[in-house]
Amino acid sequence: MEIREERRGTSLVMTLAETRLDHVIATDFREHVLRRAAAEGAVEVVIDLATVQFMDSSGLGALVGIRKRLGWGTRIVLAGLRSPVHRVFQLARMTEVFTFHTSAEAAAGIAGMATYRAPGAQST
C-alpha cells in the first residue's frame, strides 16, 4: 500500500496511490490514516481517492471507521472520487456523512507530497 502525505496548516492530505480500496488493504489503510491523523493533530483530513477505481464494502467500512474514530471534531474530506466509487457511497446512503471535493487541490491546495509505503507492501 502506498500513501502520499502532505501537511497543510491544520490539514493532513493523504493520497491513496492504489487502484483498489478493498479487503486486501482496507484495515491497514484505516489504521495508517488514524495513526497519522493523531500524530499530526490534524483538524482536517483530506483523503484523495482519485486513483481508486474500485472500492468494496471493506473500503467503505475503513472510511466509516476513520470517520467514527476521529469524531466530529475532525473534518473528513474525500477528494477526487471516480463515479463508481462515489456510487458506493450513494448506495450505502453515506453521502451525508462525508464532505466531497472534486480534487485534493480544491480541498486543500496541494504542493509537494511525501510518500509513505507500508513495510513489505507492493504498489498495485
PDB file of N, CA and C in Angstrom:
ATOM      1  N   MET A   1       0.846  -1.183   0.000  1.00  0.00           N
ATOM      2  CA  MET A   1       0.000   0.000   0.000  1.00  0.00           C
ATOM      3  C   MET A   1       0.888   1.241   0.000  1.00  0.00           C
ATOM      4  N   GLU A   2       0.565   2.162  -0.860  1.00  0.00           N
ATOM      5  CA  GLU A   2       1.326   3.410  -0.930  1.00  0.00           C
ATOM      6  C   GLU A   2       0.387   4.589  -0.660  1.00  0.00           C
ATOM      7  N   ILE A   3       0.824   5.449   0.256  1.00  0.00           N
ATOM      8  CA  ILE A   3       0.066   6.653   0.600  1.00  0.00           C
ATOM      9  C   ILE A   3       1.029   7.825   0.560  1.00  0.00           C
ATOM     10  N   ARG A   4       0.663   8.873  -0.172  1.00  0.00           N
ATOM     11  CA  ARG A   4       1.433  10.115  -0.159  1.00  0.00           C
ATOM     12  C   ARG A   4       0.763  11.053   0.832  1.00  0.00           C
ATOM     13  N   GLU A   5       1.589  11.765   1.582  1.00  0.00           N
ATOM     14  CA  GLU A   5       1.076  12.659   2.623  1.00  0.00           C
ATOM     15  C   GLU A   5       1.632  14.059   2.487  1.00  0.00           C
ATOM     16  N   GLU A   6       0.823  15.005   2.909  1.00  0.00           N
ATOM     17  CA  GLU A   6       1.275  16.391   2.995  1.00  0.00           C
ATOM     18  C   GLU A   6       0.529  17.073   4.127  1.00  0.00           C
ATOM     19  N   ARG A   7       1.264  17.861   4.899  1.00  0.00           N
ATOM     20  CA  ARG A   7       0.667  18.651   5.963  1.00  0.00           C
ATOM     21  C   ARG A   7       0.462  20.072   5.440  1.00  0.00           C
ATOM     22  N   ARG A   8      -0.771  20.597   5.527  1.00  0.00           N
ATOM     23  CA  ARG A   8      -1.099  21.951   5.076  1.00  0.00           C
ATOM     24  C   ARG A   8      -1.815  22.666   6.201  1.00  0.00           C
ATOM     25  N   GLY A   9      -1.073  23.416   7.012  1.00  0.00           N
ATOM     26  CA  GLY A   9      -1.675  24.085   8.149  1.00  0.00           C
ATOM     27  C   GLY A   9      -2.255  23.076   9.107  1.00  0.00           C
ATOM     28  N   THR A  10      -3.556  23.148   9.361  1.00  0.00           N
ATOM     29  CA  THR A  10      -4.210  22.184  10.248  1.00  0.00           C
ATOM     30  C   THR A  10      -4.756  20.975   9.490  1.00  0.00           C
ATOM     31  N   SER A  11      -4.490  20.912   8.177  1.00  0.00           N
ATOM     32  CA  SER A  11      -4.979  19.803   7.358  1.00  0.00           C
ATOM     33  C   SER A  11      -3.878  18.786   7.088  1.00  0.00           C
ATOM     34  N   LEU A  12      -4.279  17.529   7.090  1.00  0.00           N
ATOM     35  CA  LEU A  12      -3.403  16.451   6.670  1.00  0.00           C
ATOM     36  C   LEU A  12      -4.009  15.880   5.397  1.00  0.00           C
ATOM     37  N   VAL A  13      -3.266  15.959   4.289  1.00  0.00           N
ATOM     38  CA  VAL A  13      -3.738  15.452   2.994  1.00  0.00           C
ATOM     39  C   VAL A  13      -3.075  14.105   2.772  1.00  0.00           C
ATOM     40  N   MET A  14      -3.895  13.079   2.556  1.00  0.00           N
ATOM     41  CA  MET A  14      -3.393  11.729   2.345  1.00  0.00           C
ATOM     42  C   MET A  14      -3.943  11.218   1.021  1.00  0.00           C
ATOM     43  N   THR A  15      -3.042  10.871   0.110  1.00  0.00           N
ATOM     44  CA  THR A  15      -3.427  10.362  -1.204  1.00  0.00           C
ATOM     45  C   THR A  15      -3.140   8.875  -1.263  1.00  0.00           C
ATOM     46  N   LEU A  16      -4.191   8.083  -1.448  1.00  0.00           N
ATOM     47  CA  LEU A  16      -4.019   6.650  -1.618  1.00  0.00           C
ATOM     48  C   LEU A  16      -3.619   6.405  -3.063  1.00  0.00           C
ATOM     49  N   ALA A  17      -2.390   5.938  -3.263  1.00  0.00           N
ATOM     50  CA  ALA A  17      -1.860   5.721  -4.614  1.00  0.00           C
ATOM     51  C   ALA A  17      -2.045   4.264  -5.021  1.00  0.00           C
ATOM     52  N   GLU A  18      -3.281   3.826  -4.967  1.00  0.00           N
ATOM     53  CA  GLU A  18      -3.650   2.460  -5.335  1.00  0.00           C
ATOM     54  C   GLU A  18      -4.905   2.526  -6.198  1.00  0.00           C
ATOM     55  N   THR A  19      -5.148   1.505  -6.996  1.00  0.00           N
ATOM     56  CA  THR A  19      -6.348   1.494  -7.836  1.00  0.00           C
ATOM     57  C   THR A  19      -7.530   0.845  -7.134  1.00  0.00           C
ATOM     58  N   ARG A  20      -7.284   0.156  -6.015  1.00  0.00           N
ATOM     59  CA  ARG A  20      -8.353  -0.519  -5.288  1.00  0.00           C
ATOM     60  C   ARG A  20      -8.278  -0.212  -3.797  1.00  0.00           C
ATOM     61  N   LEU A  21      -9.423   0.068  -3.212  1.00  0.00           N
ATOM     62  CA  LEU A  21      -9.538   0.164  -1.754  1.00  0.00           C
ATOM     63  C   LEU A  21     -10.518  -0.952  -1.376  1.00  0.00           C
ATOM     64  N   ASP A  22      -9.925  -2.113  -1.075  1.00  0.00           N
ATOM     65  CA  ASP A  22     -10.743  -3.300  -0.831  1.00  0.00           C
ATOM     66  C   ASP A  22     -10.233  -4.053   0.388  1.00  0.00           C
ATOM     67  N   HIS A  23     -10.743  -5.256   0.582  1.00  0.00           N
ATOM     68  CA  HIS A  23     -10.409  -6.062   1.756  1.00  0.00           C
ATOM     69  C   HIS A  23      -8.914  -6.320   1.918  1.00  0.00           C
ATOM     70  N   VAL A  24      -8.170  -6.243   0.856  1.00  0.00           N
ATOM     71  CA  VAL A  24      -6.734  -6.514   0.923  1.00  0.00           C
ATOM     72  C   VAL A  24      -5.994  -5.429   1.706  1.00  0.00           C
ATOM     73  N   ILE A  25      -6.388  -4.166   1.541  1.00  0.00           N
ATOM     74  CA  ILE A  25      -5.657  -3.067   2.196  1.00  0.00           C
ATOM     75  C   ILE A  25      -6.505  -2.238   3.160  1.00  0.00           C
ATOM     76  N   ALA A  26      -7.792  -2.493   3.241  1.00  0.00           N
ATOM     77  CA  ALA A  26      -8.702  -1.617   4.000  1.00  0.00           C
ATOM     78  C   ALA A  26      -8.286  -1.424   5.459  1.00  0.00           C
ATOM     79  N   THR A  27      -7.973  -2.494   6.151  1.00  0.00           N
ATOM     80  CA  THR A  27      -7.611  -2.387   7.574  1.00  0.00           C
ATOM     81  C   THR A  27      -6.317  -1.612   7.756  1.00  0.00           C
ATOM     82  N   ASP A  28      -5.294  -1.929   6.961  1.00  0.00           N
ATOM     83  CA  ASP A  28      -4.017  -1.210   7.058  1.00  0.00           C
ATOM     84  C   ASP A  28      -4.195   0.259   6.713  1.00  0.00           C
ATOM     85  N   PHE A  29      -5.004   0.537   5.706  1.00  0.00           N
ATOM     86  CA  PHE A  29      -5.280   1.916   5.314  1.00  0.00           C
ATOM     87  C   PHE A  29      -5.930   2.685   6.466  1.00  0.00           C
ATOM     88  N   ARG A  30      -6.988   2.112   7.048  1.00  0.00           N
ATOM     89  CA  ARG A  30      -7.678   2.762   8.161  1.00  0.00           C
ATOM     90  C   ARG A  30      -6.714   3.045   9.315  1.00  0.00           C
ATOM     91  N   GLU A  31      -5.954   2.048   9.711  1.00  0.00           N
ATOM     92  CA  GLU A  31      -5.050   2.213  10.850  1.00  0.00           C
ATOM     93  C   GLU A  31      -3.956   3.235  10.567  1.00  0.00           C
ATOM     94  N   HIS A  32      -3.445   3.250   9.343  1.00  0.00           N
ATOM     95  CA  HIS A  32      -2.423   4.237   8.990  1.00  0.00           C
ATOM     96  C   HIS A  32      -2.993   5.654   9.053  1.00  0.00           C
ATOM     97  N   VAL A  33      -4.163   5.866   8.476  1.00  0.00           N
ATOM     98  CA  VAL A  33      -4.773   7.204   8.493  1.00  0.00           C
ATOM     99  C   VAL A  33      -5.034   7.641   9.935  1.00  0.00           C
ATOM    100  N   LEU A  34      -5.573   6.766  10.752  1.00  0.00           N
ATOM    101  CA  LEU A  34      -5.858   7.120  12.153  1.00  0.00           C
ATOM    102  C   LEU A  34      -4.575   7.448  12.917  1.00  0.00           C
ATOM    103  N   ARG A  35      -3.554   6.636  12.723  1.00  0.00           N
ATOM    104  CA  ARG A  35      -2.272   6.854  13.406  1.00  0.00           C
ATOM    105  C   ARG A  35      -1.655   8.191  13.002  1.00  0.00           C
ATOM    106  N   ARG A  36      -1.635   8.482  11.703  1.00  0.00           N
ATOM    107  CA  ARG A  36      -1.028   9.728  11.215  1.00  0.00           C
ATOM    108  C   ARG A  36      -1.846  10.948  11.618  1.00  0.00           C
ATOM    109  N   ALA A  37      -3.170  10.847  11.570  1.00  0.00           N
ATOM    110  CA  ALA A  37      -4.014  11.977  11.973  1.00  0.00           C
ATOM    111  C   ALA A  37      -3.791  12.306  13.443  1.00  0.00           C
ATOM    112  N   ALA A  38      -3.677  11.284  14.280  1.00  0.00           N
ATOM    113  CA  ALA A  38      -3.433  11.507  15.707  1.00  0.00           C
ATOM    114  C   ALA A  38      -2.046  12.105  15.932  1.00  0.00           C
ATOM    115  N   ALA A  39      -1.045  11.551  15.248  1.00  0.00           N
ATOM    116  CA  ALA A  39       0.330  12.031  15.413  1.00  0.00           C
ATOM    117  C   ALA A  39       0.476  13.484  14.965  1.00  0.00           C
ATOM    118  N   GLU A  40      -0.239  13.863  13.922  1.00  0.00           N
ATOM    119  CA  GLU A  40      -0.149  15.217  13.379  1.00  0.00           C
ATOM    120  C   GLU A  40      -1.102  16.195  14.065  1.00  0.00           C
ATOM    121  N   GLY A  41      -2.036  15.695  14.855  1.00  0.00           N
ATOM    122  CA  GLY A  41      -3.021  16.568  15.480  1.00  0.00           C
ATOM    123  C   GLY A  41      -3.886  17.286  14.455  1.00  0.00           C
ATOM    124  N   ALA A  42      -4.221  16.584  13.394  1.00  0.00           N
ATOM    125  CA  ALA A  42      -4.954  17.195  12.276  1.00  0.00           C
ATOM    126  C   ALA A  42      -6.383  17.572  12.674  1.00  0.00           C
ATOM    127  N   VAL A  43      -6.770  18.770  12.290  1.00  0.00           N
ATOM    128  CA  VAL A  43      -8.137  19.256  12.469  1.00  0.00           C
ATOM    129  C   VAL A  43      -8.972  18.856  11.263  1.00  0.00           C
ATOM    130  N   GLU A  44      -8.294  18.700  10.121  1.00  0.00           N
ATOM    131  CA  GLU A  44      -8.946  18.279   8.881  1.00  0.00           C
ATOM    132  C   GLU A  44      -8.080  17.213   8.220  1.00  0.00           C
ATOM    133  N   VAL A  45      -8.736  16.149   7.741  1.00  0.00           N
ATOM    134  CA  VAL A  45      -8.041  15.110   6.997  1.00  0.00           C
ATOM    135  C   VAL A  45      -8.683  15.045   5.610  1.00  0.00           C
ATOM    136  N   VAL A  46      -7.870  15.298   4.587  1.00  0.00           N
ATOM    137  CA  VAL A  46      -8.312  15.192   3.202  1.00  0.00           C
ATOM    138  C   VAL A  46      -7.786  13.865   2.678  1.00  0.00           C
ATOM    139  N   ILE A  47      -8.707  13.002   2.248  1.00  0.00           N
ATOM    140  CA  ILE A  47      -8.320  11.701   1.706  1.00  0.00           C
ATOM    141  C   ILE A  47      -8.578  11.735   0.208  1.00  0.00           C
ATOM    142  N   ASP A  48      -7.486  11.726  -0.542  1.00  0.00           N
ATOM    143  CA  ASP A  48      -7.555  11.802  -2.001  1.00  0.00           C
ATOM    144  C   ASP A  48      -7.655  10.387  -2.561  1.00  0.00           C
ATOM    145  N   LEU A  49      -8.786  10.083  -3.185  1.00  0.00           N
ATOM    146  CA  LEU A  49      -9.031   8.762  -3.756  1.00  0.00           C
ATOM    147  C   LEU A  49      -9.086   8.795  -5.284  1.00  0.00           C
ATOM    148  N   ALA A  50      -8.425   9.763  -5.887  1.00  0.00           N
ATOM    149  CA  ALA A  50      -8.503   9.958  -7.342  1.00  0.00           C
ATOM    150  C   ALA A  50      -8.007   8.757  -8.140  1.00  0.00           C
ATOM    151  N   THR A  51      -7.049   8.008  -7.621  1.00  0.00           N
ATOM    152  CA  THR A  51      -6.540   6.855  -8.363  1.00  0.00           C
ATOM    153  C   THR A  51      -7.345   5.590  -8.113  1.00  0.00           C
ATOM    154  N   VAL A  52      -8.233   5.625  -7.135  1.00  0.00           N
ATOM    155  CA  VAL A  52      -9.013   4.432  -6.782  1.00  0.00           C
ATOM    156  C   VAL A  52     -10.124   4.221  -7.812  1.00  0.00           C
ATOM    157  N   GLN A  53     -10.072   3.086  -8.479  1.00  0.00           N
ATOM    158  CA  GLN A  53     -11.073   2.741  -9.485  1.00  0.00           C
ATOM    159  C   GLN A  53     -12.136   1.804  -8.949  1.00  0.00           C
ATOM    160  N   PHE A  54     -11.815   1.100  -7.854  1.00  0.00           N
ATOM    161  CA  PHE A  54     -12.738   0.140  -7.270  1.00  0.00           C
ATOM    162  C   PHE A  54     -12.671   0.215  -5.754  1.00  0.00           C
ATOM    163  N   MET A  55     -13.836   0.204  -5.114  1.00  0.00           N
ATOM    164  CA  MET A  55     -13.905   0.158  -3.659  1.00  0.00           C
ATOM    165  C   MET A  55     -15.024  -0.796  -3.279  1.00  0.00           C
ATOM    166  N   ASP A  56     -14.731  -1.740  -2.388  1.00  0.00           N
ATOM    167  CA  ASP A  56     -15.764  -2.658  -1.924  1.00  0.00           C
ATOM    168  C   ASP A  56     -16.252  -2.226  -0.539  1.00  0.00           C
ATOM    169  N   SER A  57     -17.087  -3.060   0.073  1.00  0.00           N
ATOM    170  CA  SER A  57     -17.651  -2.711   1.381  1.00  0.00           C
ATOM    171  C   SER A  57     -16.577  -2.601   2.458  1.00  0.00           C
ATOM    172  N   SER A  58     -15.469  -3.308   2.308  1.00  0.00           N
ATOM    173  CA  SER A  58     -14.365  -3.180   3.269  1.00  0.00           C
ATOM    174  C   SER A  58     -13.729  -1.800   3.194  1.00  0.00           C
ATOM    175  N   GLY A  59     -13.585  -1.286   1.973  1.00  0.00           N
ATOM    176  CA  GLY A  59     -13.060   0.068   1.794  1.00  0.00           C
ATOM    177  C   GLY A  59     -13.995   1.102   2.394  1.00  0.00           C
ATOM    178  N   LEU A  60     -15.282   0.944   2.122  1.00  0.00           N
ATOM    179  CA  LEU A  60     -16.276   1.846   2.722  1.00  0.00           C
ATOM    180  C   LEU A  60     -16.224   1.750   4.231  1.00  0.00           C
ATOM    181  N   GLY A  61     -16.136   0.527   4.746  1.00  0.00           N
ATOM    182  CA  GLY A  61     -16.046   0.335   6.197  1.00  0.00           C
ATOM    183  C   GLY A  61     -14.822   1.001   6.796  1.00  0.00           C
ATOM    184  N   ALA A  62     -13.697   0.968   6.083  1.00  0.00           N
ATOM    185  CA  ALA A  62     -12.480   1.628   6.569  1.00  0.00           C
ATOM    186  C   ALA A  62     -12.692   3.133   6.681  1.00  0.00           C
ATOM    187  N   LEU A  63     -13.332   3.723   5.675  1.00  0.00           N
ATOM    188  CA  LEU A  63     -13.579   5.166   5.699  1.00  0.00           C
ATOM    189  C   LEU A  63     -14.595   5.547   6.786  1.00  0.00           C
ATOM    190  N   VAL A  64     -15.613   4.729   6.960  1.00  0.00           N
ATOM    191  CA  VAL A  64     -16.588   4.980   8.036  1.00  0.00           C
ATOM    192  C   VAL A  64     -15.907   4.823   9.394  1.00  0.00           C
ATOM    193  N   GLY A  65     -15.024   3.836   9.507  1.00  0.00           N
ATOM    194  CA  GLY A  65     -14.269   3.663  10.746  1.00  0.00           C
ATOM    195  C   GLY A  65     -13.388   4.864  11.065  1.00  0.00           C
ATOM    196  N   ILE A  66     -12.777   5.433  10.042  1.00  0.00           N
ATOM    197  CA  ILE A  66     -11.978   6.651  10.223  1.00  0.00           C
ATOM    198  C   ILE A  66     -12.882   7.775  10.718  1.00  0.00           C
ATOM    199  N   ARG A  67     -14.026   7.927  10.070  1.00  0.00           N
ATOM    200  CA  ARG A  67     -14.993   8.962  10.463  1.00  0.00           C
ATOM    201  C   ARG A  67     -15.398   8.807  11.933  1.00  0.00           C
ATOM    202  N   LYS A  68     -15.728   7.586  12.342  1.00  0.00           N
ATOM    203  CA  LYS A  68     -16.164   7.333  13.719  1.00  0.00           C
ATOM    204  C   LYS A  68     -15.055   7.582  14.724  1.00  0.00           C
ATOM    205  N   ARG A  69     -13.860   7.046  14.450  1.00  0.00           N
ATOM    206  CA  ARG A  69     -12.765   7.145  15.422  1.00  0.00           C
ATOM    207  C   ARG A  69     -12.217   8.556  15.551  1.00  0.00           C
ATOM    208  N   LEU A  70     -12.219   9.320  14.469  1.00  0.00           N
ATOM    209  CA  LEU A  70     -11.723  10.693  14.564  1.00  0.00           C
ATOM    210  C   LEU A  70     -12.771  11.620  15.172  1.00  0.00           C
ATOM    211  N   GLY A  71     -14.029  11.237  15.079  1.00  0.00           N
ATOM    212  CA  GLY A  71     -15.097  12.036  15.677  1.00  0.00           C
ATOM    213  C   GLY A  71     -15.443  13.253  14.831  1.00  0.00           C
ATOM    214  N   TRP A  72     -16.488  13.940  15.272  1.00  0.00           N
ATOM    215  CA  TRP A  72     -16.995  15.074  14.503  1.00  0.00           C
ATOM    216  C   TRP A  72     -16.162  16.337  14.708  1.00  0.00           C
ATOM    217  N   GLY A  73     -15.193  16.304  15.618  1.00  0.00           N
ATOM    218  CA  GLY A  73     -14.301  17.437  15.806  1.00  0.00           C
ATOM    219  C   GLY A  73     -13.236  17.537  14.724  1.00  0.00           C
ATOM    220  N   THR A  74     -13.084  16.481  13.949  1.00  0.00           N
ATOM    221  CA  THR A  74     -12.136  16.451  12.833  1.00  0.00           C
ATOM    222  C   THR A  74     -12.935  16.395  11.543  1.00  0.00           C
ATOM    223  N   ARG A  75     -12.655  17.328  10.657  1.00  0.00           N
ATOM    224  CA  ARG A  75     -13.338  17.352   9.362  1.00  0.00           C
ATOM    225  C   ARG A  75     -12.685  16.333   8.442  1.00  0.00           C
ATOM    226  N   ILE A  76     -13.499  15.484   7.834  1.00  0.00           N
ATOM    227  CA  ILE A  76     -13.018  14.487   6.881  1.00  0.00           C
ATOM    228  C   ILE A  76     -13.515  14.899   5.499  1.00  0.00           C
ATOM    229  N   VAL A  77     -12.585  15.047   4.556  1.00  0.00           N
ATOM    230  CA  VAL A  77     -12.938  15.407   3.188  1.00  0.00           C
ATOM    231  C   VAL A  77     -12.440  14.302   2.266  1.00  0.00           C
ATOM    232  N   LEU A  78     -13.333  13.780   1.442  1.00  0.00           N
ATOM    233  CA  LEU A  78     -12.949  12.794   0.431  1.00  0.00           C
ATOM    234  C   LEU A  78     -12.853  13.512  -0.901  1.00  0.00           C
ATOM    235  N   ALA A  79     -11.732  13.326  -1.583  1.00  0.00           N
ATOM    236  CA  ALA A  79     -11.478  14.095  -2.807  1.00  0.00           C
ATOM    237  C   ALA A  79     -11.221  13.187  -3.994  1.00  0.00           C
ATOM    238  N   GLY A  80     -11.640  13.673  -5.174  1.00  0.00           N
ATOM    239  CA  GLY A  80     -11.302  13.045  -6.442  1.00  0.00           C
ATOM    240  C   GLY A  80     -11.979  11.712  -6.715  1.00  0.00           C
ATOM    241  N   LEU A  81     -13.114  11.440  -6.109  1.00  0.00           N
ATOM    242  CA  LEU A  81     -13.768  10.155  -6.301  1.00  0.00           C
ATOM    243  C   LEU A  81     -14.243   9.965  -7.733  1.00  0.00           C
ATOM    244  N   ARG A  82     -13.929   8.815  -8.281  1.00  0.00           N
ATOM    245  CA  ARG A  82     -14.447   8.426  -9.588  1.00  0.00           C
ATOM    246  C   ARG A  82     -15.909   8.013  -9.400  1.00  0.00           C
ATOM    247  N   SER A  83     -16.648   8.037 -10.472  1.00  0.00           N
ATOM    248  CA  SER A  83     -18.081   7.744 -10.411  1.00  0.00           C
ATOM    249  C   SER A  83     -18.410   6.406  -9.747  1.00  0.00           C
ATOM    250  N   PRO A  84     -17.730   5.290 -10.093  1.00  0.00           N
ATOM    251  CA  PRO A  84     -18.075   4.017  -9.449  1.00  0.00           C
ATOM    252  C   PRO A  84     -17.832   4.012  -7.937  1.00  0.00           C
ATOM    253  N   VAL A  85     -16.803   4.725  -7.507  1.00  0.00           N
ATOM    254  CA  VAL A  85     -16.502   4.803  -6.072  1.00  0.00           C
ATOM    255  C   VAL A  85     -17.544   5.676  -5.372  1.00  0.00           C
ATOM    256  N   HIS A  86     -17.883   6.805  -5.965  1.00  0.00           N
ATOM    257  CA  HIS A  86     -18.910   7.669  -5.379  1.00  0.00           C
ATOM    258  C   HIS A  86     -20.244   6.943  -5.306  1.00  0.00           C
ATOM    259  N   ARG A  87     -20.503   6.091  -6.284  1.00  0.00           N
ATOM    260  CA  ARG A  87     -21.759   5.328  -6.310  1.00  0.00           C
ATOM    261  C   ARG A  87     -21.881   4.415  -5.086  1.00  0.00           C
ATOM    262  N   VAL A  88     -20.777   3.878  -4.592  1.00  0.00           N
ATOM    263  CA  VAL A  88     -20.794   3.053  -3.377  1.00  0.00           C
ATOM    264  C   VAL A  88     -21.333   3.868  -2.202  1.00  0.00           C
ATOM    265  N   PHE A  89     -20.909   5.127  -2.095  1.00  0.00           N
ATOM    266  CA  PHE A  89     -21.402   5.995  -1.026  1.00  0.00           C
ATOM    267  C   PHE A  89     -22.892   6.273  -1.189  1.00  0.00           C
ATOM    268  N   GLN A  90     -23.313   6.467  -2.427  1.00  0.00           N
ATOM    269  CA  GLN A  90     -24.734   6.713  -2.691  1.00  0.00           C
ATOM    270  C   GLN A  90     -25.576   5.492  -2.329  1.00  0.00           C
ATOM    271  N   LEU A  91     -25.155   4.315  -2.760  1.00  0.00           N
ATOM    272  CA  LEU A  91     -25.913   3.095  -2.483  1.00  0.00           C
ATOM    273  C   LEU A  91     -26.004   2.800  -0.986  1.00  0.00           C
ATOM    274  N   ALA A  92     -24.951   3.134  -0.264  1.00  0.00           N
ATOM    275  CA  ALA A  92     -24.917   2.905   1.184  1.00  0.00           C
ATOM    276  C   ALA A  92     -25.547   4.064   1.968  1.00  0.00           C
ATOM    277  N   ARG A  93     -26.001   5.077   1.235  1.00  0.00           N
ATOM    278  CA  ARG A  93     -26.600   6.269   1.852  1.00  0.00           C
ATOM    279  C   ARG A  93     -25.640   6.949   2.834  1.00  0.00           C
ATOM    280  N   MET A  94     -24.392   7.072   2.405  1.00  0.00           N
ATOM    281  CA  MET A  94     -23.347   7.677   3.231  1.00  0.00           C
ATOM    282  C   MET A  94     -22.893   9.032   2.700  1.00  0.00           C
ATOM    283  N   THR A  95     -23.608   9.598   1.750  1.00  0.00           N
ATOM    284  CA  THR A  95     -23.177  10.868   1.165  1.00  0.00           C
ATOM    285  C   THR A  95     -23.332  12.033   2.127  1.00  0.00           C
ATOM    286  N   GLU A  96     -24.126  11.882   3.169  1.00  0.00           N
ATOM    287  CA  GLU A  96     -24.296  12.961   4.155  1.00  0.00           C
ATOM    288  C   GLU A  96     -23.262  12.878   5.279  1.00  0.00           C
ATOM    289  N   VAL A  97     -22.535  11.782   5.345  1.00  0.00           N
ATOM    290  CA  VAL A  97     -21.582  11.554   6.430  1.00  0.00           C
ATOM    291  C   VAL A  97     -20.226  12.192   6.139  1.00  0.00           C
ATOM    292  N   PHE A  98     -19.908  12.359   4.851  1.00  0.00           N
ATOM    293  CA  PHE A  98     -18.620  12.893   4.433  1.00  0.00           C
ATOM    294  C   PHE A  98     -18.806  14.160   3.609  1.00  0.00           C
ATOM    295  N   THR A  99     -17.738  14.953   3.555  1.00  0.00           N
ATOM    296  CA  THR A  99     -17.671  16.085   2.642  1.00  0.00           C
ATOM    297  C   THR A  99     -16.895  15.613   1.422  1.00  0.00           C
ATOM    298  N   PHE A 100     -17.354  15.961   0.223  1.00  0.00           N
ATOM    299  CA  PHE A 100     -16.711  15.542  -1.017  1.00  0.00           C
ATOM    300  C   PHE A 100     -16.213  16.760  -1.786  1.00  0.00           C
ATOM    301  N   HIS A 101     -15.032  16.622  -2.397  1.00  0.00           N
ATOM    302  CA  HIS A 101     -14.484  17.635  -3.304  1.00  0.00           C
ATOM    303  C   HIS A 101     -14.059  16.939  -4.585  1.00  0.00           C
ATOM    304  N   THR A 102     -14.057  17.688  -5.668  1.00  0.00           N
ATOM    305  CA  THR A 102     -13.673  17.109  -6.955  1.00  0.00           C
ATOM    306  C   THR A 102     -12.194  16.729  -7.003  1.00  0.00           C
ATOM    307  N   SER A 103     -11.360  17.411  -6.226  1.00  0.00           N
ATOM    308  CA  SER A 103      -9.931  17.093  -6.206  1.00  0.00           C
ATOM    309  C   SER A 103      -9.332  17.499  -4.871  1.00  0.00           C
ATOM    310  N   ALA A 104      -8.173  16.917  -4.573  1.00  0.00           N
ATOM    311  CA  ALA A 104      -7.456  17.297  -3.357  1.00  0.00           C
ATOM    312  C   ALA A 104      -7.004  18.744  -3.444  1.00  0.00           C
ATOM    313  N   GLU A 105      -6.671  19.186  -4.663  1.00  0.00           N
ATOM    314  CA  GLU A 105      -6.254  20.570  -4.863  1.00  0.00           C
ATOM    315  C   GLU A 105      -7.380  21.521  -4.449  1.00  0.00           C
ATOM    316  N   ALA A 106      -8.609  21.186  -4.842  1.00  0.00           N
ATOM    317  CA  ALA A 106      -9.757  22.006  -4.466  1.00  0.00           C
ATOM    318  C   ALA A 106      -9.982  21.983  -2.965  1.00  0.00           C
ATOM    319  N   ALA A 107      -9.677  20.856  -2.343  1.00  0.00           N
ATOM    320  CA  ALA A 107      -9.909  20.719  -0.907  1.00  0.00           C
ATOM    321  C   ALA A 107      -8.832  21.393  -0.068  1.00  0.00           C
ATOM    322  N   ALA A 108      -7.570  21.359  -0.508  1.00  0.00           N
ATOM    323  CA  ALA A 108      -6.505  21.852   0.366  1.00  0.00           C
ATOM    324  C   ALA A 108      -5.353  22.562  -0.317  1.00  0.00           C
ATOM    325  N   GLY A 109      -5.333  22.686  -1.636  1.00  0.00           N
ATOM    326  CA  GLY A 109      -4.226  23.366  -2.315  1.00  0.00           C
ATOM    327  C   GLY A 109      -2.911  22.648  -2.135  1.00  0.00           C
ATOM    328  N   ILE A 110      -2.772  21.494  -2.770  1.00  0.00           N
ATOM    329  CA  ILE A 110      -1.599  20.642  -2.570  1.00  0.00           C
ATOM    330  C   ILE A 110      -0.367  21.147  -3.318  1.00  0.00           C
ATOM    331  N   ALA A 111       0.802  21.002  -2.654  1.00  0.00           N
ATOM    332  CA  ALA A 111       2.094  21.260  -3.302  1.00  0.00           C
ATOM    333  C   ALA A 111       3.146  20.383  -2.647  1.00  0.00           C
ATOM    334  N   GLY A 112       3.779  19.516  -3.403  1.00  0.00           N
ATOM    335  CA  GLY A 112       4.898  18.708  -2.908  1.00  0.00           C
ATOM    336  C   GLY A 112       4.530  17.730  -1.812  1.00  0.00           C
ATOM    337  N   MET A 113       4.271  16.486  -2.139  1.00  0.00           N
ATOM    338  CA  MET A 113       3.855  15.496  -1.159  1.00  0.00           C
ATOM    339  C   MET A 113       4.987  14.511  -0.856  1.00  0.00           C
ATOM    340  N   ALA A 114       5.047  14.060   0.392  1.00  0.00           N
ATOM    341  CA  ALA A 114       5.962  12.992   0.782  1.00  0.00           C
ATOM    342  C   ALA A 114       5.261  11.667   0.511  1.00  0.00           C
ATOM    343  N   THR A 115       6.021  10.593   0.397  1.00  0.00           N
ATOM    344  CA  THR A 115       5.434   9.286   0.110  1.00  0.00           C
ATOM    345  C   THR A 115       5.627   8.348   1.289  1.00  0.00           C
ATOM    346  N   TYR A 116       4.592   7.592   1.616  1.00  0.00           N
ATOM    347  CA  TYR A 116       4.644   6.537   2.626  1.00  0.00           C
ATOM    348  C   TYR A 116       4.377   5.224   1.926  1.00  0.00           C
ATOM    349  N   ARG A 117       5.176   4.245   2.191  1.00  0.00           N
ATOM    350  CA  ARG A 117       4.927   2.904   1.663  1.00  0.00           C
ATOM    351  C   ARG A 117       4.999   1.949   2.847  1.00  0.00           C
ATOM    352  N   ALA A 118       3.937   1.166   3.039  1.00  0.00           N
ATOM    353  CA  ALA A 118       3.902   0.213   4.142  1.00  0.00           C
ATOM    354  C   ALA A 118       5.061  -0.770   3.995  1.00  0.00           C
ATOM    355  N   PRO A 119       5.700  -1.143   5.114  1.00  0.00           N
ATOM    356  CA  PRO A 119       6.817  -2.091   5.043  1.00  0.00           C
ATOM    357  C   PRO A 119       6.397  -3.400   4.396  1.00  0.00           C
ATOM    358  N   GLY A 120       7.170  -3.857   3.430  1.00  0.00           N
ATOM    359  CA  GLY A 120       6.918  -5.132   2.770  1.00  0.00           C
ATOM    360  C   GLY A 120       5.761  -5.124   1.772  1.00  0.00           C
ATOM    361  N   ALA A 121       5.090  -3.993   1.604  1.00  0.00           N
ATOM    362  CA  ALA A 121       3.941  -3.929   0.689  1.00  0.00           C
ATOM    363  C   ALA A 121       4.407  -3.534  -0.698  1.00  0.00           C
ATOM    364  N   GLN A 122       3.666  -4.016  -1.684  1.00  0.00           N
ATOM    365  CA  GLN A 122       3.953  -3.649  -3.060  1.00  0.00           C
ATOM    366  C   GLN A 122       2.819  -2.816  -3.576  1.00  0.00           C
ATOM    367  N   SER A 123       3.142  -1.817  -4.376  1.00  0.00           N
ATOM    368  CA  SER A 123       2.122  -0.995  -5.017  1.00  0.00           C
ATOM    369  C   SER A 123       1.466  -1.794  -6.125  1.00  0.00           C
ATOM    370  N   THR A 124       0.136  -1.562  -6.309  1.00  0.00           N
ATOM    371  CA  THR A 124      -0.577  -2.263  -7.383  1.00  0.00           C
ATOM    372  C   THR A 124      -0.682  -1.399  -8.610  1.00  0.00           C
TER     373      THR A 124
END
